[in-house]
Amino acid sequence: MNVETVKAQLRKLKLSTAAMEFDEVTARHKAAVSLHWISEVLEREIDKRRERSLEKRIDRAVIPEITTLDEFDWQFNPKIDRDKIEELFEAGLCKEQPDSAVSGQTRHREDAYGAGDRAAGA
């Protein structure tokens, strides 16, 4: 890990003063030798902020939860081949998770929509 990577991470976190002062502070404390630990901490912060941002956008999007294939409105998009979707679920390529509305997990819902797009030829 190099100093420029750490400074770029600080700027990405909008810690511009820390990025500008980094060289002086590390030179004074001679801590520039081992930057792996701070880079890992900063990368975790960047990842967590990105994750929280995505969660907030999903919450604000008010995406309706579909809990089962039986409840899906197949007339909404006639291009979606219901037989192909059900075949994907039966083959285990997609997993239905009825409690996703309660748990807040969206991975399986996205799998179902992605499978719908593939079946529709999108």
PDB file of N, CA and C in Angstrom:
ATOM      1  N   MET A   1       0.849  -1.170   0.000  1.00  0.00           N
ATOM      2  CA  MET A   1       0.000   0.000   0.000  1.00  0.00           C
ATOM      3  C   MET A   1       0.893   1.230   0.000  1.00  0.00           C
ATOM      4  N   ASN A   2       0.506   2.215  -0.767  1.00  0.00           N
ATOM      5  CA  ASN A   2       1.332   3.420  -0.798  1.00  0.00           C
ATOM      6  C   ASN A   2       0.562   4.629  -0.269  1.00  0.00           C
ATOM      7  N   VAL A   3       1.282   5.693  -0.055  1.00  0.00           N
ATOM      8  CA  VAL A   3       0.718   6.912   0.518  1.00  0.00           C
ATOM      9  C   VAL A   3      -0.381   7.478  -0.369  1.00  0.00           C
ATOM     10  N   GLU A   4      -0.195   7.422  -1.668  1.00  0.00           N
ATOM     11  CA  GLU A   4      -1.190   7.984  -2.587  1.00  0.00           C
ATOM     12  C   GLU A   4      -2.517   7.235  -2.496  1.00  0.00           C
ATOM     13  N   THR A   5      -2.466   5.919  -2.306  1.00  0.00           N
ATOM     14  CA  THR A   5      -3.699   5.135  -2.161  1.00  0.00           C
ATOM     15  C   THR A   5      -4.462   5.577  -0.917  1.00  0.00           C
ATOM     16  N   VAL A   6      -3.746   5.723   0.183  1.00  0.00           N
ATOM     17  CA  VAL A   6      -4.380   6.153   1.441  1.00  0.00           C
ATOM     18  C   VAL A   6      -4.956   7.554   1.284  1.00  0.00           C
ATOM     19  N   LYS A   7      -4.215   8.449   0.665  1.00  0.00           N
ATOM     20  CA  LYS A   7      -4.718   9.811   0.469  1.00  0.00           C
ATOM     21  C   LYS A   7      -5.945   9.817  -0.437  1.00  0.00           C
ATOM     22  N   ALA A   8      -5.972   8.964  -1.460  1.00  0.00           N
ATOM     23  CA  ALA A   8      -7.146   8.860  -2.340  1.00  0.00           C
ATOM     24  C   ALA A   8      -8.351   8.348  -1.549  1.00  0.00           C
ATOM     25  N   GLN A   9      -8.117   7.393  -0.662  1.00  0.00           N
ATOM     26  CA  GLN A   9      -9.209   6.882   0.171  1.00  0.00           C
ATOM     27  C   GLN A   9      -9.730   7.972   1.105  1.00  0.00           C
ATOM     28  N   LEU A  10      -8.844   8.748   1.676  1.00  0.00           N
ATOM     29  CA  LEU A  10      -9.269   9.853   2.546  1.00  0.00           C
ATOM     30  C   LEU A  10     -10.115  10.857   1.766  1.00  0.00           C
ATOM     31  N   ARG A  11      -9.688  11.173   0.546  1.00  0.00           N
ATOM     32  CA  ARG A  11     -10.468  12.105  -0.272  1.00  0.00           C
ATOM     33  C   ARG A  11     -11.825  11.511  -0.634  1.00  0.00           C
ATOM     34  N   LYS A  12     -11.868  10.209  -0.924  1.00  0.00           N
ATOM     35  CA  LYS A  12     -13.129   9.553  -1.250  1.00  0.00           C
ATOM     36  C   LYS A  12     -14.104   9.642  -0.075  1.00  0.00           C
ATOM     37  N   LEU A  13     -13.557   9.613   1.127  1.00  0.00           N
ATOM     38  CA  LEU A  13     -14.374   9.743   2.337  1.00  0.00           C
ATOM     39  C   LEU A  13     -14.661  11.199   2.684  1.00  0.00           C
ATOM     40  N   LYS A  14     -14.242  12.099   1.797  1.00  0.00           N
ATOM     41  CA  LYS A  14     -14.424  13.537   1.986  1.00  0.00           C
ATOM     42  C   LYS A  14     -13.696  14.030   3.239  1.00  0.00           C
ATOM     43  N   LEU A  15     -12.533  13.455   3.477  1.00  0.00           N
ATOM     44  CA  LEU A  15     -11.665  13.873   4.567  1.00  0.00           C
ATOM     45  C   LEU A  15     -10.462  14.590   3.958  1.00  0.00           C
ATOM     46  N   SER A  16     -10.745  15.690   3.289  1.00  0.00           N
ATOM     47  CA  SER A  16      -9.722  16.390   2.512  1.00  0.00           C
ATOM     48  C   SER A  16      -8.603  16.961   3.377  1.00  0.00           C
ATOM     49  N   THR A  17      -8.911  17.454   4.565  1.00  0.00           N
ATOM     50  CA  THR A  17      -7.863  17.973   5.439  1.00  0.00           C
ATOM     51  C   THR A  17      -6.911  16.854   5.844  1.00  0.00           C
ATOM     52  N   ALA A  18      -7.461  15.711   6.192  1.00  0.00           N
ATOM     53  CA  ALA A  18      -6.624  14.561   6.550  1.00  0.00           C
ATOM     54  C   ALA A  18      -5.741  14.161   5.373  1.00  0.00           C
ATOM     55  N   ALA A  19      -6.283  14.199   4.169  1.00  0.00           N
ATOM     56  CA  ALA A  19      -5.503  13.851   2.984  1.00  0.00           C
ATOM     57  C   ALA A  19      -4.364  14.847   2.769  1.00  0.00           C
ATOM     58  N   MET A  20      -4.647  16.133   2.969  1.00  0.00           N
ATOM     59  CA  MET A  20      -3.623  17.154   2.763  1.00  0.00           C
ATOM     60  C   MET A  20      -2.534  17.082   3.834  1.00  0.00           C
ATOM     61  N   GLU A  21      -2.903  16.778   5.061  1.00  0.00           N
ATOM     62  CA  GLU A  21      -1.965  16.756   6.180  1.00  0.00           C
ATOM     63  C   GLU A  21      -1.285  15.399   6.359  1.00  0.00           C
ATOM     64  N   PHE A  22      -1.689  14.402   5.607  1.00  0.00           N
ATOM     65  CA  PHE A  22      -1.216  13.031   5.815  1.00  0.00           C
ATOM     66  C   PHE A  22       0.304  12.918   5.733  1.00  0.00           C
ATOM     67  N   ASP A  23       0.912  13.505   4.695  1.00  0.00           N
ATOM     68  CA  ASP A  23       2.373  13.408   4.527  1.00  0.00           C
ATOM     69  C   ASP A  23       3.122  13.981   5.732  1.00  0.00           C
ATOM     70  N   GLU A  24       2.698  15.146   6.179  1.00  0.00           N
ATOM     71  CA  GLU A  24       3.374  15.790   7.301  1.00  0.00           C
ATOM     72  C   GLU A  24       3.247  14.969   8.578  1.00  0.00           C
ATOM     73  N   VAL A  25       2.044  14.490   8.839  1.00  0.00           N
ATOM     74  CA  VAL A  25       1.809  13.745  10.081  1.00  0.00           C
ATOM     75  C   VAL A  25       2.564  12.419  10.065  1.00  0.00           C
ATOM     76  N   THR A  26       2.524  11.709   8.955  1.00  0.00           N
ATOM     77  CA  THR A  26       3.229  10.421   8.895  1.00  0.00           C
ATOM     78  C   THR A  26       4.739  10.618   8.952  1.00  0.00           C
ATOM     79  N   ALA A  27       5.239  11.697   8.365  1.00  0.00           N
ATOM     80  CA  ALA A  27       6.679  11.964   8.426  1.00  0.00           C
ATOM     81  C   ALA A  27       7.102  12.250   9.867  1.00  0.00           C
ATOM     82  N   ARG A  28       6.270  13.004  10.549  1.00  0.00           N
ATOM     83  CA  ARG A  28       6.580  13.346  11.941  1.00  0.00           C
ATOM     84  C   ARG A  28       6.566  12.105  12.831  1.00  0.00           C
ATOM     85  N   HIS A  29       5.641  11.198  12.581  1.00  0.00           N
ATOM     86  CA  HIS A  29       5.502   9.996  13.413  1.00  0.00           C
ATOM     87  C   HIS A  29       6.174   8.778  12.809  1.00  0.00           C
ATOM     88  N   LYS A  30       6.755   8.964  11.633  1.00  0.00           N
ATOM     89  CA  LYS A  30       7.441   7.890  10.925  1.00  0.00           C
ATOM     90  C   LYS A  30       6.554   6.650  10.775  1.00  0.00           C
ATOM     91  N   ALA A  31       5.265   6.889  10.562  1.00  0.00           N
ATOM     92  CA  ALA A  31       4.303   5.787  10.425  1.00  0.00           C
ATOM     93  C   ALA A  31       4.057   5.432   8.973  1.00  0.00           C
ATOM     94  N   ALA A  32       4.735   6.112   8.065  1.00  0.00           N
ATOM     95  CA  ALA A  32       4.499   5.867   6.641  1.00  0.00           C
ATOM     96  C   ALA A  32       5.024   4.515   6.192  1.00  0.00           C
ATOM     97  N   VAL A  33       5.804   3.853   7.014  1.00  0.00           N
ATOM     98  CA  VAL A  33       6.376   2.564   6.644  1.00  0.00           C
ATOM     99  C   VAL A  33       5.294   1.512   6.472  1.00  0.00           C
ATOM    100  N   SER A  34       4.339   1.459   7.379  1.00  0.00           N
ATOM    101  CA  SER A  34       3.294   0.448   7.312  1.00  0.00           C
ATOM    102  C   SER A  34       1.926   1.112   7.192  1.00  0.00           C
ATOM    103  N   LEU A  35       1.410   1.139   5.975  1.00  0.00           N
ATOM    104  CA  LEU A  35       0.121   1.780   5.729  1.00  0.00           C
ATOM    105  C   LEU A  35      -0.998   0.774   5.470  1.00  0.00           C
ATOM    106  N   HIS A  36      -0.675  -0.499   5.482  1.00  0.00           N
ATOM    107  CA  HIS A  36      -1.681  -1.515   5.164  1.00  0.00           C
ATOM    108  C   HIS A  36      -2.881  -1.452   6.110  1.00  0.00           C
ATOM    109  N   TRP A  37      -2.618  -1.267   7.388  1.00  0.00           N
ATOM    110  CA  TRP A  37      -3.705  -1.281   8.352  1.00  0.00           C
ATOM    111  C   TRP A  37      -4.653  -0.108   8.147  1.00  0.00           C
ATOM    112  N   ILE A  38      -4.112   1.071   7.912  1.00  0.00           N
ATOM    113  CA  ILE A  38      -4.997   2.228   7.742  1.00  0.00           C
ATOM    114  C   ILE A  38      -5.757   2.146   6.427  1.00  0.00           C
ATOM    115  N   SER A  39      -5.114   1.628   5.411  1.00  0.00           N
ATOM    116  CA  SER A  39      -5.789   1.479   4.133  1.00  0.00           C
ATOM    117  C   SER A  39      -6.955   0.490   4.252  1.00  0.00           C
ATOM    118  N   GLU A  40      -6.740  -0.590   4.998  1.00  0.00           N
ATOM    119  CA  GLU A  40      -7.815  -1.562   5.196  1.00  0.00           C
ATOM    120  C   GLU A  40      -8.987  -0.946   5.970  1.00  0.00           C
ATOM    121  N   VAL A  41      -8.670  -0.164   7.002  1.00  0.00           N
ATOM    122  CA  VAL A  41      -9.724   0.508   7.782  1.00  0.00           C
ATOM    123  C   VAL A  41     -10.504   1.477   6.899  1.00  0.00           C
ATOM    124  N   LEU A  42      -9.783   2.250   6.101  1.00  0.00           N
ATOM    125  CA  LEU A  42     -10.454   3.214   5.224  1.00  0.00           C
ATOM    126  C   LEU A  42     -11.300   2.501   4.166  1.00  0.00           C
ATOM    127  N   GLU A  43     -10.805   1.418   3.627  1.00  0.00           N
ATOM    128  CA  GLU A  43     -11.562   0.667   2.620  1.00  0.00           C
ATOM    129  C   GLU A  43     -12.850   0.105   3.226  1.00  0.00           C
ATOM    130  N   ARG A  44     -12.777  -0.358   4.456  1.00  0.00           N
ATOM    131  CA  ARG A  44     -13.985  -0.849   5.141  1.00  0.00           C
ATOM    132  C   ARG A  44     -15.000   0.281   5.325  1.00  0.00           C
ATOM    133  N   GLU A  45     -14.518   1.452   5.683  1.00  0.00           N
ATOM    134  CA  GLU A  45     -15.409   2.612   5.840  1.00  0.00           C
ATOM    135  C   GLU A  45     -16.060   2.971   4.509  1.00  0.00           C
ATOM    136  N   ILE A  46     -15.277   2.979   3.444  1.00  0.00           N
ATOM    137  CA  ILE A  46     -15.808   3.288   2.116  1.00  0.00           C
ATOM    138  C   ILE A  46     -16.873   2.272   1.731  1.00  0.00           C
ATOM    139  N   ASP A  47     -16.593   0.991   1.939  1.00  0.00           N
ATOM    140  CA  ASP A  47     -17.551  -0.063   1.603  1.00  0.00           C
ATOM    141  C   ASP A  47     -18.838   0.065   2.410  1.00  0.00           C
ATOM    142  N   LYS A  48     -18.702   0.346   3.711  1.00  0.00           N
ATOM    143  CA  LYS A  48     -19.881   0.462   4.575  1.00  0.00           C
ATOM    144  C   LYS A  48     -20.730   1.663   4.175  1.00  0.00           C
ATOM    145  N   ARG A  49     -20.098   2.770   3.842  1.00  0.00           N
ATOM    146  CA  ARG A  49     -20.850   3.952   3.391  1.00  0.00           C
ATOM    147  C   ARG A  49     -21.587   3.651   2.092  1.00  0.00           C
ATOM    148  N   ARG A  50     -20.922   2.956   1.174  1.00  0.00           N
ATOM    149  CA  ARG A  50     -21.555   2.595  -0.095  1.00  0.00           C
ATOM    150  C   ARG A  50     -22.760   1.676   0.152  1.00  0.00           C
ATOM    151  N   GLU A  51     -22.589   0.713   1.057  1.00  0.00           N
ATOM    152  CA  GLU A  51     -23.663  -0.217   1.391  1.00  0.00           C
ATOM    153  C   GLU A  51     -24.860   0.509   2.007  1.00  0.00           C
ATOM    154  N   ARG A  52     -24.586   1.400   2.968  1.00  0.00           N
ATOM    155  CA  ARG A  52     -25.668   2.162   3.597  1.00  0.00           C
ATOM    156  C   ARG A  52     -26.388   3.056   2.594  1.00  0.00           C
ATOM    157  N   SER A  53     -25.626   3.643   1.696  1.00  0.00           N
ATOM    158  CA  SER A  53     -26.217   4.498   0.669  1.00  0.00           C
ATOM    159  C   SER A  53     -27.157   3.696  -0.219  1.00  0.00           C
ATOM    160  N   LEU A  54     -26.729   2.517  -0.616  1.00  0.00           N
ATOM    161  CA  LEU A  54     -27.571   1.654  -1.448  1.00  0.00           C
ATOM    162  C   LEU A  54     -28.830   1.240  -0.695  1.00  0.00           C
ATOM    163  N   GLU A  55     -28.689   0.875   0.570  1.00  0.00           N
ATOM    164  CA  GLU A  55     -29.848   0.495   1.378  1.00  0.00           C
ATOM    165  C   GLU A  55     -30.854   1.641   1.478  1.00  0.00           C
ATOM    166  N   LYS A  56     -30.360   2.854   1.679  1.00  0.00           N
ATOM    167  CA  LYS A  56     -31.252   4.016   1.771  1.00  0.00           C
ATOM    168  C   LYS A  56     -31.978   4.255   0.454  1.00  0.00           C
ATOM    169  N   ARG A  57     -31.263   4.118  -0.663  1.00  0.00           N
ATOM    170  CA  ARG A  57     -31.915   4.320  -1.961  1.00  0.00           C
ATOM    171  C   ARG A  57     -32.964   3.263  -2.225  1.00  0.00           C
ATOM    172  N   ILE A  58     -32.701   2.029  -1.841  1.00  0.00           N
ATOM    173  CA  ILE A  58     -33.681   0.955  -2.024  1.00  0.00           C
ATOM    174  C   ILE A  58     -34.910   1.228  -1.167  1.00  0.00           C
ATOM    175  N   ASP A  59     -34.684   1.657   0.087  1.00  0.00           N
ATOM    176  CA  ASP A  59     -35.815   1.978   0.966  1.00  0.00           C
ATOM    177  C   ASP A  59     -36.659   3.110   0.402  1.00  0.00           C
ATOM    178  N   ARG A  60     -36.000   4.147  -0.126  1.00  0.00           N
ATOM    179  CA  ARG A  60     -36.723   5.290  -0.681  1.00  0.00           C
ATOM    180  C   ARG A  60     -37.418   4.964  -1.996  1.00  0.00           C
ATOM    181  N   ALA A  61     -36.955   3.933  -2.684  1.00  0.00           N
ATOM    182  CA  ALA A  61     -37.530   3.587  -3.987  1.00  0.00           C
ATOM    183  C   ALA A  61     -38.922   2.988  -3.861  1.00  0.00           C
ATOM    184  N   VAL A  62     -39.291   2.541  -2.690  1.00  0.00           N
ATOM    185  CA  VAL A  62     -40.589   1.937  -2.420  1.00  0.00           C
ATOM    186  C   VAL A  62     -40.881   0.845  -3.459  1.00  0.00           C
ATOM    187  N   ILE A  63     -39.953  -0.080  -3.562  1.00  0.00           N
ATOM    188  CA  ILE A  63     -40.114  -1.213  -4.472  1.00  0.00           C
ATOM    189  C   ILE A  63     -41.062  -2.198  -3.817  1.00  0.00           C
ATOM    190  N   PRO A  64     -42.121  -2.580  -4.513  1.00  0.00           N
ATOM    191  CA  PRO A  64     -43.061  -3.517  -3.901  1.00  0.00           C
ATOM    192  C   PRO A  64     -42.412  -4.885  -3.705  1.00  0.00           C
ATOM    193  N   GLU A  65     -42.692  -5.482  -2.571  1.00  0.00           N
ATOM    194  CA  GLU A  65     -42.153  -6.804  -2.273  1.00  0.00           C
ATOM    195  C   GLU A  65     -43.068  -7.861  -2.904  1.00  0.00           C
ATOM    196  N   ILE A  66     -42.467  -8.790  -3.603  1.00  0.00           N
ATOM    197  CA  ILE A  66     -43.201  -9.921  -4.162  1.00  0.00           C
ATOM    198  C   ILE A  66     -42.731 -11.138  -3.395  1.00  0.00           C
ATOM    199  N   THR A  67     -43.640 -11.774  -2.679  1.00  0.00           N
ATOM    200  CA  THR A  67     -43.210 -12.854  -1.802  1.00  0.00           C
ATOM    201  C   THR A  67     -43.262 -14.220  -2.469  1.00  0.00           C
ATOM    202  N   THR A  68     -44.151 -14.420  -3.439  1.00  0.00           N
ATOM    203  CA  THR A  68     -44.215 -15.718  -4.111  1.00  0.00           C
ATOM    204  C   THR A  68     -44.480 -15.509  -5.589  1.00  0.00           C
ATOM    205  N   LEU A  69     -44.172 -16.523  -6.358  1.00  0.00           N
ATOM    206  CA  LEU A  69     -44.469 -16.468  -7.796  1.00  0.00           C
ATOM    207  C   LEU A  69     -45.975 -16.454  -8.043  1.00  0.00           C
ATOM    208  N   ASP A  70     -46.726 -17.073  -7.144  1.00  0.00           N
ATOM    209  CA  ASP A  70     -48.193 -17.099  -7.299  1.00  0.00           C
ATOM    210  C   ASP A  70     -48.791 -15.697  -7.220  1.00  0.00           C
ATOM    211  N   GLU A  71     -48.153 -14.801  -6.448  1.00  0.00           N
ATOM    212  CA  GLU A  71     -48.661 -13.443  -6.288  1.00  0.00           C
ATOM    213  C   GLU A  71     -48.181 -12.500  -7.383  1.00  0.00           C
ATOM    214  N   PHE A  72     -47.231 -12.939  -8.204  1.00  0.00           N
ATOM    215  CA  PHE A  72     -46.679 -12.086  -9.257  1.00  0.00           C
ATOM    216  C   PHE A  72     -47.729 -11.799 -10.329  1.00  0.00           C
ATOM    217  N   ASP A  73     -47.774 -10.551 -10.788  1.00  0.00           N
ATOM    218  CA  ASP A  73     -48.724 -10.154 -11.828  1.00  0.00           C
ATOM    219  C   ASP A  73     -48.128 -10.480 -13.199  1.00  0.00           C
ATOM    220  N   TRP A  74     -48.446 -11.645 -13.703  1.00  0.00           N
ATOM    221  CA  TRP A  74     -47.887 -12.116 -14.978  1.00  0.00           C
ATOM    222  C   TRP A  74     -48.423 -11.318 -16.164  1.00  0.00           C
ATOM    223  N   GLN A  75     -49.543 -10.636 -15.995  1.00  0.00           N
ATOM    224  CA  GLN A  75     -50.110  -9.823 -17.074  1.00  0.00           C
ATOM    225  C   GLN A  75     -49.392  -8.480 -17.201  1.00  0.00           C
ATOM    226  N   PHE A  76     -48.648  -8.105 -16.162  1.00  0.00           N
ATOM    227  CA  PHE A  76     -47.951  -6.824 -16.162  1.00  0.00           C
ATOM    228  C   PHE A  76     -46.996  -6.704 -17.352  1.00  0.00           C
ATOM    229  N   ASN A  77     -46.260  -7.763 -17.624  1.00  0.00           N
ATOM    230  CA  ASN A  77     -45.335  -7.763 -18.756  1.00  0.00           C
ATOM    231  C   ASN A  77     -45.494  -9.092 -19.500  1.00  0.00           C
ATOM    232  N   PRO A  78     -46.277  -9.086 -20.566  1.00  0.00           N
ATOM    233  CA  PRO A  78     -46.544 -10.334 -21.273  1.00  0.00           C
ATOM    234  C   PRO A  78     -45.304 -10.959 -21.916  1.00  0.00           C
ATOM    235  N   LYS A  79     -44.202 -10.208 -22.019  1.00  0.00           N
ATOM    236  CA  LYS A  79     -42.976 -10.760 -22.595  1.00  0.00           C
ATOM    237  C   LYS A  79     -42.312 -11.773 -21.664  1.00  0.00           C
ATOM    238  N   ILE A  80     -42.627 -11.694 -20.377  1.00  0.00           N
ATOM    239  CA  ILE A  80     -42.028 -12.621 -19.424  1.00  0.00           C
ATOM    240  C   ILE A  80     -42.674 -13.985 -19.599  1.00  0.00           C
ATOM    241  N   ASP A  81     -41.837 -14.963 -19.822  1.00  0.00           N
ATOM    242  CA  ASP A  81     -42.302 -16.329 -20.031  1.00  0.00           C
ATOM    243  C   ASP A  81     -42.438 -17.014 -18.676  1.00  0.00           C
ATOM    244  N   ARG A  82     -43.679 -17.155 -18.212  1.00  0.00           N
ATOM    245  CA  ARG A  82     -43.940 -17.722 -16.889  1.00  0.00           C
ATOM    246  C   ARG A  82     -43.361 -19.124 -16.763  1.00  0.00           C
ATOM    247  N   ASP A  83     -43.500 -19.930 -17.817  1.00  0.00           N
ATOM    248  CA  ASP A  83     -42.992 -21.300 -17.765  1.00  0.00           C
ATOM    249  C   ASP A  83     -41.478 -21.325 -17.555  1.00  0.00           C
ATOM    250  N   LYS A  84     -40.764 -20.414 -18.232  1.00  0.00           N
ATOM    251  CA  LYS A  84     -39.305 -20.366 -18.085  1.00  0.00           C
ATOM    252  C   LYS A  84     -38.911 -19.948 -16.670  1.00  0.00           C
ATOM    253  N   ILE A  85     -39.618 -18.969 -16.119  1.00  0.00           N
ATOM    254  CA  ILE A  85     -39.330 -18.505 -14.760  1.00  0.00           C
ATOM    255  C   ILE A  85     -39.554 -19.638 -13.775  1.00  0.00           C
ATOM    256  N   GLU A  86     -40.685 -20.311 -13.894  1.00  0.00           N
ATOM    257  CA  GLU A  86     -40.979 -21.413 -12.979  1.00  0.00           C
ATOM    258  C   GLU A  86     -39.964 -22.545 -13.149  1.00  0.00           C
ATOM    259  N   GLU A  87     -39.506 -22.747 -14.368  1.00  0.00           N
ATOM    260  CA  GLU A  87     -38.486 -23.767 -14.626  1.00  0.00           C
ATOM    261  C   GLU A  87     -37.174 -23.397 -13.917  1.00  0.00           C
ATOM    262  N   LEU A  88     -36.814 -22.102 -13.934  1.00  0.00           N
ATOM    263  CA  LEU A  88     -35.605 -21.651 -13.245  1.00  0.00           C
ATOM    264  C   LEU A  88     -35.708 -21.889 -11.740  1.00  0.00           C
ATOM    265  N   PHE A  89     -36.869 -21.623 -11.180  1.00  0.00           N
ATOM    266  CA  PHE A  89     -37.060 -21.838  -9.754  1.00  0.00           C
ATOM    267  C   PHE A  89     -37.019 -23.324  -9.418  1.00  0.00           C
ATOM    268  N   GLU A  90     -37.650 -24.140 -10.255  1.00  0.00           N
ATOM    269  CA  GLU A  90     -37.650 -25.580 -10.006  1.00  0.00           C
ATOM    270  C   GLU A  90     -36.245 -26.161 -10.130  1.00  0.00           C
ATOM    271  N   ALA A  91     -35.432 -25.605 -11.021  1.00  0.00           N
ATOM    272  CA  ALA A  91     -34.060 -26.085 -11.210  1.00  0.00           C
ATOM    273  C   ALA A  91     -33.138 -25.596 -10.094  1.00  0.00           C
ATOM    274  N   GLY A  92     -33.638 -24.695  -9.256  1.00  0.00           N
ATOM    275  CA  GLY A  92     -32.840 -24.186  -8.145  1.00  0.00           C
ATOM    276  C   GLY A  92     -31.934 -23.022  -8.525  1.00  0.00           C
ATOM    277  N   LEU A  93     -32.100 -22.467  -9.724  1.00  0.00           N
ATOM    278  CA  LEU A  93     -31.272 -21.340 -10.135  1.00  0.00           C
ATOM    279  C   LEU A  93     -31.697 -20.049  -9.455  1.00  0.00           C
ATOM    280  N   CYS A  94     -32.926 -19.990  -9.021  1.00  0.00           N
ATOM    281  CA  CYS A  94     -33.442 -18.859  -8.257  1.00  0.00           C
ATOM    282  C   CYS A  94     -34.111 -19.438  -7.025  1.00  0.00           C
ATOM    283  N   LYS A  95     -34.074 -18.690  -5.943  1.00  0.00           N
ATOM    284  CA  LYS A  95     -34.684 -19.166  -4.708  1.00  0.00           C
ATOM    285  C   LYS A  95     -35.727 -18.178  -4.254  1.00  0.00           C
ATOM    286  N   GLU A  96     -36.888 -18.712  -3.926  1.00  0.00           N
ATOM    287  CA  GLU A  96     -37.939 -17.878  -3.372  1.00  0.00           C
ATOM    288  C   GLU A  96     -37.730 -17.786  -1.879  1.00  0.00           C
ATOM    289  N   GLN A  97     -37.917 -16.614  -1.329  1.00  0.00           N
ATOM    290  CA  GLN A  97     -37.777 -16.430   0.103  1.00  0.00           C
ATOM    291  C   GLN A  97     -38.974 -15.614   0.580  1.00  0.00           C
ATOM    292  N   PRO A  98     -40.032 -16.293   1.012  1.00  0.00           N
ATOM    293  CA  PRO A  98     -41.272 -15.607   1.373  1.00  0.00           C
ATOM    294  C   PRO A  98     -41.122 -14.566   2.467  1.00  0.00           C
ATOM    295  N   ASP A  99     -40.134 -14.691   3.349  1.00  0.00           N
ATOM    296  CA  ASP A  99     -40.022 -13.731   4.439  1.00  0.00           C
ATOM    297  C   ASP A  99     -39.143 -12.541   4.096  1.00  0.00           C
ATOM    298  N   SER A 100     -38.863 -12.301   2.814  1.00  0.00           N
ATOM    299  CA  SER A 100     -37.980 -11.199   2.445  1.00  0.00           C
ATOM    300  C   SER A 100     -38.575  -9.847   2.820  1.00  0.00           C
ATOM    301  N   ALA A 101     -39.894  -9.729   2.844  1.00  0.00           N
ATOM    302  CA  ALA A 101     -40.510  -8.454   3.218  1.00  0.00           C
ATOM    303  C   ALA A 101     -40.239  -8.149   4.682  1.00  0.00           C
ATOM    304  N   VAL A 102     -40.160  -9.189   5.507  1.00  0.00           N
ATOM    305  CA  VAL A 102     -39.909  -9.000   6.925  1.00  0.00           C
ATOM    306  C   VAL A 102     -38.421  -8.773   7.181  1.00  0.00           C
ATOM    307  N   SER A 103     -37.558  -9.547   6.534  1.00  0.00           N
ATOM    308  CA  SER A 103     -36.131  -9.483   6.819  1.00  0.00           C
ATOM    309  C   SER A 103     -35.447  -8.323   6.116  1.00  0.00           C
ATOM    310  N   GLY A 104     -36.083  -7.781   5.084  1.00  0.00           N
ATOM    311  CA  GLY A 104     -35.478  -6.681   4.355  1.00  0.00           C
ATOM    312  C   GLY A 104     -34.460  -7.130   3.327  1.00  0.00           C
ATOM    313  N   GLN A 105     -34.294  -8.433   3.151  1.00  0.00           N
ATOM    314  CA  GLN A 105     -33.333  -8.923   2.181  1.00  0.00           C
ATOM    315  C   GLN A 105     -33.902  -8.770   0.787  1.00  0.00           C
ATOM    316  N   THR A 106     -33.073  -8.313  -0.135  1.00  0.00           N
ATOM    317  CA  THR A 106     -33.542  -8.066  -1.492  1.00  0.00           C
ATOM    318  C   THR A 106     -32.860  -8.959  -2.512  1.00  0.00           C
ATOM    319  N   ARG A 107     -31.855  -9.724  -2.113  1.00  0.00           N
ATOM    320  CA  ARG A 107     -31.075 -10.511  -3.066  1.00  0.00           C
ATOM    321  C   ARG A 107     -31.962 -11.437  -3.890  1.00  0.00           C
ATOM    322  N   HIS A 108     -32.880 -12.151  -3.249  1.00  0.00           N
ATOM    323  CA  HIS A 108     -33.699 -13.112  -3.977  1.00  0.00           C
ATOM    324  C   HIS A 108     -34.701 -12.416  -4.892  1.00  0.00           C
ATOM    325  N   ARG A 109     -35.206 -11.270  -4.456  1.00  0.00           N
ATOM    326  CA  ARG A 109     -36.116 -10.513  -5.304  1.00  0.00           C
ATOM    327  C   ARG A 109     -35.373 -10.072  -6.561  1.00  0.00           C
ATOM    328  N   GLU A 110     -34.144  -9.623  -6.396  1.00  0.00           N
ATOM    329  CA  GLU A 110     -33.356  -9.207  -7.549  1.00  0.00           C
ATOM    330  C   GLU A 110     -33.067 -10.388  -8.454  1.00  0.00           C
ATOM    331  N   ASP A 111     -32.823 -11.574  -7.852  1.00  0.00           N
ATOM    332  CA  ASP A 111     -32.618 -12.777  -8.656  1.00  0.00           C
ATOM    333  C   ASP A 111     -33.849 -13.055  -9.503  1.00  0.00           C
ATOM    334  N   ALA A 112     -35.025 -12.896  -8.893  1.00  0.00           N
ATOM    335  CA  ALA A 112     -36.262 -13.174  -9.630  1.00  0.00           C
ATOM    336  C   ALA A 112     -36.449 -12.177 -10.761  1.00  0.00           C
ATOM    337  N   TYR A 113     -36.179 -10.898 -10.491  1.00  0.00           N
ATOM    338  CA  TYR A 113     -36.322  -9.908 -11.556  1.00  0.00           C
ATOM    339  C   TYR A 113     -35.291 -10.139 -12.653  1.00  0.00           C
ATOM    340  N   GLY A 114     -34.057 -10.475 -12.256  1.00  0.00           N
ATOM    341  CA  GLY A 114     -33.017 -10.757 -13.247  1.00  0.00           C
ATOM    342  C   GLY A 114     -33.398 -11.951 -14.111  1.00  0.00           C
ATOM    343  N   ALA A 115     -33.984 -12.963 -13.494  1.00  0.00           N
ATOM    344  CA  ALA A 115     -34.418 -14.135 -14.241  1.00  0.00           C
ATOM    345  C   ALA A 115     -35.536 -13.757 -15.201  1.00  0.00           C
ATOM    346  N   GLY A 116     -36.406 -12.851 -14.760  1.00  0.00           N
ATOM    347  CA  GLY A 116     -37.487 -12.373 -15.633  1.00  0.00           C
ATOM    348  C   GLY A 116     -36.940 -11.650 -16.850  1.00  0.00           C
ATOM    349  N   ASP A 117     -35.906 -10.833 -16.605  1.00  0.00           N
ATOM    350  CA  ASP A 117     -35.292 -10.119 -17.715  1.00  0.00           C
ATOM    351  C   ASP A 117     -34.663 -11.091 -18.706  1.00  0.00           C
ATOM    352  N   ARG A 118     -33.987 -12.119 -18.162  1.00  0.00           N
ATOM    353  CA  ARG A 118     -33.361 -13.108 -19.061  1.00  0.00           C
ATOM    354  C   ARG A 118     -34.408 -13.879 -19.835  1.00  0.00           C
ATOM    355  N   ALA A 119     -35.506 -14.250 -19.188  1.00  0.00           N
ATOM    356  CA  ALA A 119     -36.546 -15.002 -19.869  1.00  0.00           C
ATOM    357  C   ALA A 119     -37.239 -14.159 -20.929  1.00  0.00           C
ATOM    358  N   ALA A 120     -37.305 -12.839 -20.684  1.00  0.00           N
ATOM    359  CA  ALA A 120     -37.950 -11.942 -21.652  1.00  0.00           C
ATOM    360  C   ALA A 120     -36.980 -11.561 -22.766  1.00  0.00           C
ATOM    361  N   GLY A 121     -35.729 -11.974 -22.630  1.00  0.00           N
ATOM    362  CA  GLY A 121     -34.740 -11.665 -23.670  1.00  0.00           C
ATOM    363  C   GLY A 121     -34.173 -10.278 -23.546  1.00  0.00           C
ATOM    364  N   ALA A 122     -34.295  -9.670 -22.346  1.00  0.00           N
ATOM    365  CA  ALA A 122     -33.787  -8.302 -22.142  1.00  0.00           C
ATOM    366  C   ALA A 122     -32.300  -8.303 -22.005  1.00  0.00           C
TER     367      ALA A 122
END
